[in-house]
Amino acid sequence: MRTAGVLIVGAIMGAAVVWLWGREMEEFLEDRTRGVRTKAAEAVRAVDETAGKVLDRGGDVLHRADEFLQGTKEHVSETLRAGEEAIRPAPAARET
């Protein structure tokens, strides 16, 4: 029972501290963390810019790869059609 009583008294004291000095604590922490938050925001912006550049380059590479594959597909199709025509036997002559 003693542990539960200490826990309840601690919760009440914590709530009183926050109620009395909460605004001052918030302002203090905001002032202390301003530099860290600014650096974090700059880092996020840098990551955004870098990711955009990488994705743009990736898009260009994919576009070139798509063009290459389309060209290859056309070349393979033409070659197969030519091979098909080369091996197809001529129509048999009809005897009349």
N, C-alpha and C. Protein backbone atom coordinates (compact mmCIF):
# COMPACT_ATOMS: atom_id res chain seq x y z
N MET A 1 0.83 -1.19 0.00
CA MET A 1 0.00 0.00 0.00
C MET A 1 0.87 1.25 0.00
N ARG A 2 2.03 1.17 0.60
CA ARG A 2 2.90 2.33 0.69
C ARG A 2 3.37 2.76 -0.70
N THR A 3 3.71 1.83 -1.58
CA THR A 3 4.16 2.15 -2.93
C THR A 3 3.06 2.84 -3.71
N ALA A 4 1.83 2.38 -3.58
CA ALA A 4 0.71 3.00 -4.28
C ALA A 4 0.50 4.43 -3.77
N GLY A 5 0.64 4.62 -2.47
CA GLY A 5 0.48 5.97 -1.89
C GLY A 5 1.55 6.93 -2.40
N VAL A 6 2.79 6.45 -2.48
CA VAL A 6 3.88 7.28 -2.99
C VAL A 6 3.63 7.62 -4.45
N LEU A 7 3.14 6.66 -5.21
CA LEU A 7 2.85 6.89 -6.62
C LEU A 7 1.76 7.95 -6.79
N ILE A 8 0.74 7.88 -6.00
CA ILE A 8 -0.35 8.86 -6.07
C ILE A 8 0.13 10.25 -5.67
N VAL A 9 0.91 10.34 -4.59
CA VAL A 9 1.44 11.63 -4.15
C VAL A 9 2.38 12.21 -5.22
N GLY A 10 3.19 11.36 -5.83
CA GLY A 10 4.09 11.82 -6.89
C GLY A 10 3.32 12.33 -8.09
N ALA A 11 2.24 11.66 -8.47
CA ALA A 11 1.43 12.10 -9.59
C ALA A 11 0.77 13.44 -9.29
N ILE A 12 0.30 13.61 -8.07
CA ILE A 12 -0.33 14.88 -7.67
C ILE A 12 0.70 16.00 -7.68
N MET A 13 1.90 15.73 -7.16
CA MET A 13 2.95 16.75 -7.14
C MET A 13 3.37 17.13 -8.57
N GLY A 14 3.51 16.13 -9.44
CA GLY A 14 3.87 16.39 -10.83
C GLY A 14 2.83 17.24 -11.52
N ALA A 15 1.57 16.93 -11.29
CA ALA A 15 0.49 17.72 -11.89
C ALA A 15 0.52 19.15 -11.37
N ALA A 16 0.80 19.33 -10.08
CA ALA A 16 0.87 20.68 -9.51
C ALA A 16 2.03 21.46 -10.11
N VAL A 17 3.18 20.83 -10.30
CA VAL A 17 4.33 21.50 -10.89
C VAL A 17 4.01 21.95 -12.31
N VAL A 18 3.41 21.07 -13.08
CA VAL A 18 3.05 21.41 -14.46
C VAL A 18 2.02 22.54 -14.47
N TRP A 19 1.06 22.48 -13.56
CA TRP A 19 0.00 23.50 -13.52
C TRP A 19 0.59 24.86 -13.14
N LEU A 20 1.52 24.87 -12.16
CA LEU A 20 2.08 26.13 -11.69
C LEU A 20 3.16 26.69 -12.62
N TRP A 21 4.06 25.83 -13.09
CA TRP A 21 5.22 26.32 -13.85
C TRP A 21 5.29 25.76 -15.27
N GLY A 22 4.21 25.22 -15.76
CA GLY A 22 4.20 24.59 -17.09
C GLY A 22 4.59 25.53 -18.21
N ARG A 23 4.03 26.74 -18.19
CA ARG A 23 4.33 27.70 -19.25
C ARG A 23 5.81 28.11 -19.23
N GLU A 24 6.34 28.35 -18.05
CA GLU A 24 7.75 28.72 -17.94
C GLU A 24 8.65 27.58 -18.42
N MET A 25 8.29 26.35 -18.07
CA MET A 25 9.08 25.19 -18.50
C MET A 25 9.01 25.05 -20.02
N GLU A 26 7.86 25.28 -20.59
CA GLU A 26 7.70 25.18 -22.04
C GLU A 26 8.54 26.24 -22.76
N GLU A 27 8.52 27.46 -22.27
CA GLU A 27 9.32 28.53 -22.86
C GLU A 27 10.82 28.24 -22.73
N PHE A 28 11.22 27.75 -21.57
CA PHE A 28 12.62 27.40 -21.34
C PHE A 28 13.08 26.34 -22.33
N LEU A 29 12.28 25.28 -22.47
CA LEU A 29 12.65 24.19 -23.39
C LEU A 29 12.62 24.66 -24.84
N GLU A 30 11.69 25.52 -25.19
CA GLU A 30 11.63 26.04 -26.55
C GLU A 30 12.89 26.84 -26.88
N ASP A 31 13.31 27.69 -25.93
CA ASP A 31 14.53 28.48 -26.14
C ASP A 31 15.77 27.58 -26.24
N ARG A 32 15.83 26.56 -25.40
CA ARG A 32 17.00 25.69 -25.36
C ARG A 32 17.10 24.80 -26.60
N THR A 33 15.98 24.45 -27.20
CA THR A 33 15.99 23.53 -28.33
C THR A 33 15.88 24.23 -29.68
N ARG A 34 15.84 25.55 -29.70
CA ARG A 34 15.68 26.29 -30.95
C ARG A 34 16.78 25.93 -31.96
N GLY A 35 18.02 25.93 -31.53
CA GLY A 35 19.13 25.62 -32.43
C GLY A 35 19.06 24.21 -32.99
N VAL A 36 18.72 23.27 -32.12
CA VAL A 36 18.63 21.87 -32.55
C VAL A 36 17.49 21.72 -33.55
N ARG A 37 16.36 22.35 -33.29
CA ARG A 37 15.23 22.26 -34.21
C ARG A 37 15.55 22.92 -35.54
N THR A 38 16.28 24.03 -35.51
CA THR A 38 16.67 24.70 -36.76
C THR A 38 17.58 23.80 -37.58
N LYS A 39 18.57 23.18 -36.94
CA LYS A 39 19.47 22.27 -37.66
C LYS A 39 18.71 21.07 -38.21
N ALA A 40 17.77 20.55 -37.43
CA ALA A 40 16.98 19.41 -37.90
C ALA A 40 16.13 19.80 -39.12
N ALA A 41 15.54 20.99 -39.08
CA ALA A 41 14.74 21.45 -40.22
C ALA A 41 15.61 21.62 -41.46
N GLU A 42 16.82 22.16 -41.29
CA GLU A 42 17.75 22.31 -42.43
C GLU A 42 18.16 20.95 -42.97
N ALA A 43 18.37 19.99 -42.09
CA ALA A 43 18.74 18.65 -42.53
C ALA A 43 17.61 18.00 -43.31
N VAL A 44 16.38 18.19 -42.85
CA VAL A 44 15.23 17.63 -43.56
C VAL A 44 15.12 18.27 -44.95
N ARG A 45 15.33 19.57 -45.05
CA ARG A 45 15.28 20.26 -46.34
C ARG A 45 16.37 19.72 -47.26
N ALA A 46 17.58 19.51 -46.73
CA ALA A 46 18.68 18.98 -47.53
C ALA A 46 18.37 17.57 -48.04
N VAL A 47 17.78 16.75 -47.18
CA VAL A 47 17.40 15.40 -47.59
C VAL A 47 16.34 15.48 -48.69
N ASP A 48 15.40 16.39 -48.55
CA ASP A 48 14.35 16.56 -49.56
C ASP A 48 14.96 16.93 -50.91
N GLU A 49 15.88 17.89 -50.91
CA GLU A 49 16.51 18.32 -52.16
C GLU A 49 17.31 17.19 -52.78
N THR A 50 18.09 16.47 -51.96
CA THR A 50 18.91 15.37 -52.46
C THR A 50 18.04 14.25 -53.00
N ALA A 51 16.99 13.92 -52.28
CA ALA A 51 16.09 12.86 -52.74
C ALA A 51 15.44 13.27 -54.07
N GLY A 52 15.06 14.52 -54.20
CA GLY A 52 14.48 14.99 -55.45
C GLY A 52 15.44 14.84 -56.61
N LYS A 53 16.71 15.22 -56.39
CA LYS A 53 17.72 15.09 -57.45
C LYS A 53 17.94 13.63 -57.83
N VAL A 54 18.04 12.77 -56.81
CA VAL A 54 18.27 11.35 -57.08
C VAL A 54 17.09 10.76 -57.85
N LEU A 55 15.87 11.10 -57.43
CA LEU A 55 14.69 10.57 -58.11
C LEU A 55 14.57 11.11 -59.53
N ASP A 56 14.96 12.37 -59.74
CA ASP A 56 14.96 12.93 -61.10
C ASP A 56 15.93 12.17 -61.98
N ARG A 57 17.14 11.93 -61.47
CA ARG A 57 18.13 11.17 -62.24
C ARG A 57 17.63 9.76 -62.50
N GLY A 58 17.00 9.17 -61.50
CA GLY A 58 16.45 7.82 -61.67
C GLY A 58 15.37 7.81 -62.73
N GLY A 59 14.55 8.85 -62.77
CA GLY A 59 13.52 8.95 -63.80
C GLY A 59 14.13 9.06 -65.19
N ASP A 60 15.20 9.85 -65.31
CA ASP A 60 15.90 9.97 -66.59
C ASP A 60 16.47 8.63 -67.03
N VAL A 61 17.08 7.92 -66.09
CA VAL A 61 17.65 6.61 -66.40
C VAL A 61 16.55 5.64 -66.83
N LEU A 62 15.43 5.66 -66.13
CA LEU A 62 14.33 4.77 -66.50
C LEU A 62 13.78 5.11 -67.88
N HIS A 63 13.72 6.40 -68.19
CA HIS A 63 13.23 6.82 -69.50
C HIS A 63 14.17 6.32 -70.60
N ARG A 64 15.48 6.48 -70.38
CA ARG A 64 16.45 5.99 -71.37
C ARG A 64 16.38 4.47 -71.48
N ALA A 65 16.22 3.78 -70.36
CA ALA A 65 16.12 2.33 -70.40
C ALA A 65 14.86 1.90 -71.16
N ASP A 66 13.77 2.62 -70.95
CA ASP A 66 12.54 2.31 -71.67
C ASP A 66 12.73 2.50 -73.17
N GLU A 67 13.38 3.60 -73.57
CA GLU A 67 13.65 3.83 -74.99
C GLU A 67 14.54 2.72 -75.56
N PHE A 68 15.55 2.31 -74.79
CA PHE A 68 16.43 1.23 -75.23
C PHE A 68 15.65 -0.06 -75.41
N LEU A 69 14.79 -0.38 -74.44
CA LEU A 69 14.01 -1.61 -74.52
C LEU A 69 13.04 -1.58 -75.70
N GLN A 70 12.42 -0.43 -75.95
CA GLN A 70 11.51 -0.33 -77.09
C GLN A 70 12.28 -0.53 -78.39
N GLY A 71 13.46 0.08 -78.51
CA GLY A 71 14.28 -0.10 -79.70
C GLY A 71 14.70 -1.55 -79.87
N THR A 72 15.07 -2.18 -78.77
CA THR A 72 15.48 -3.59 -78.82
C THR A 72 14.30 -4.47 -79.22
N LYS A 73 13.14 -4.17 -78.68
CA LYS A 73 11.93 -4.94 -79.01
C LYS A 73 11.64 -4.85 -80.51
N GLU A 74 11.73 -3.63 -81.07
CA GLU A 74 11.49 -3.45 -82.50
C GLU A 74 12.52 -4.22 -83.32
N HIS A 75 13.78 -4.13 -82.91
CA HIS A 75 14.84 -4.83 -83.63
C HIS A 75 14.63 -6.34 -83.59
N VAL A 76 14.29 -6.89 -82.44
CA VAL A 76 14.07 -8.33 -82.30
C VAL A 76 12.87 -8.74 -83.15
N SER A 77 11.81 -7.96 -83.14
CA SER A 77 10.62 -8.29 -83.94
C SER A 77 10.96 -8.30 -85.43
N GLU A 78 11.69 -7.30 -85.89
CA GLU A 78 12.08 -7.24 -87.31
C GLU A 78 12.95 -8.44 -87.67
N THR A 79 13.88 -8.78 -86.81
CA THR A 79 14.77 -9.91 -87.08
C THR A 79 13.99 -11.21 -87.11
N LEU A 80 13.05 -11.39 -86.19
CA LEU A 80 12.25 -12.62 -86.18
C LEU A 80 11.37 -12.71 -87.42
N ARG A 81 10.77 -11.59 -87.85
CA ARG A 81 9.96 -11.60 -89.06
C ARG A 81 10.81 -11.96 -90.28
N ALA A 82 12.01 -11.40 -90.34
CA ALA A 82 12.90 -11.72 -91.46
C ALA A 82 13.28 -13.20 -91.43
N GLY A 83 13.55 -13.72 -90.25
CA GLY A 83 13.87 -15.15 -90.13
C GLY A 83 12.69 -16.02 -90.51
N GLU A 84 11.50 -15.61 -90.10
CA GLU A 84 10.30 -16.36 -90.44
C GLU A 84 10.12 -16.42 -91.96
N GLU A 85 10.30 -15.28 -92.62
CA GLU A 85 10.16 -15.24 -94.08
C GLU A 85 11.24 -16.06 -94.76
N ALA A 86 12.43 -16.08 -94.19
CA ALA A 86 13.53 -16.82 -94.80
C ALA A 86 13.32 -18.32 -94.72
N ILE A 87 12.71 -18.81 -93.66
CA ILE A 87 12.57 -20.26 -93.53
C ILE A 87 11.23 -20.78 -94.00
N ARG A 88 10.30 -19.90 -94.27
CA ARG A 88 8.99 -20.36 -94.73
C ARG A 88 9.15 -20.90 -96.15
N PRO A 89 8.64 -22.09 -96.37
CA PRO A 89 8.76 -22.64 -97.72
C PRO A 89 7.86 -21.90 -98.69
N ALA A 90 8.30 -21.88 -99.93
CA ALA A 90 7.50 -21.23 -100.97
C ALA A 90 6.23 -22.04 -101.18
N PRO A 91 5.16 -21.40 -101.57
CA PRO A 91 3.94 -22.16 -101.82
C PRO A 91 4.16 -23.19 -102.93
N ALA A 92 3.57 -24.32 -102.74
CA ALA A 92 3.73 -25.40 -103.73
C ALA A 92 3.01 -25.03 -105.02
N ALA A 93 3.63 -25.36 -106.12
CA ALA A 93 3.03 -25.07 -107.42
C ALA A 93 1.93 -26.08 -107.68
N ARG A 94 0.81 -25.63 -108.15
CA ARG A 94 -0.33 -26.53 -108.43
C ARG A 94 -0.19 -27.10 -109.83
N GLU A 95 -0.46 -28.33 -109.94
CA GLU A 95 -0.42 -28.97 -111.25
C GLU A 95 -1.80 -28.92 -111.88
N THR A 96 -1.85 -28.46 -113.04
CA THR A 96 -3.12 -28.41 -113.76
C THR A 96 -3.13 -29.22 -115.00
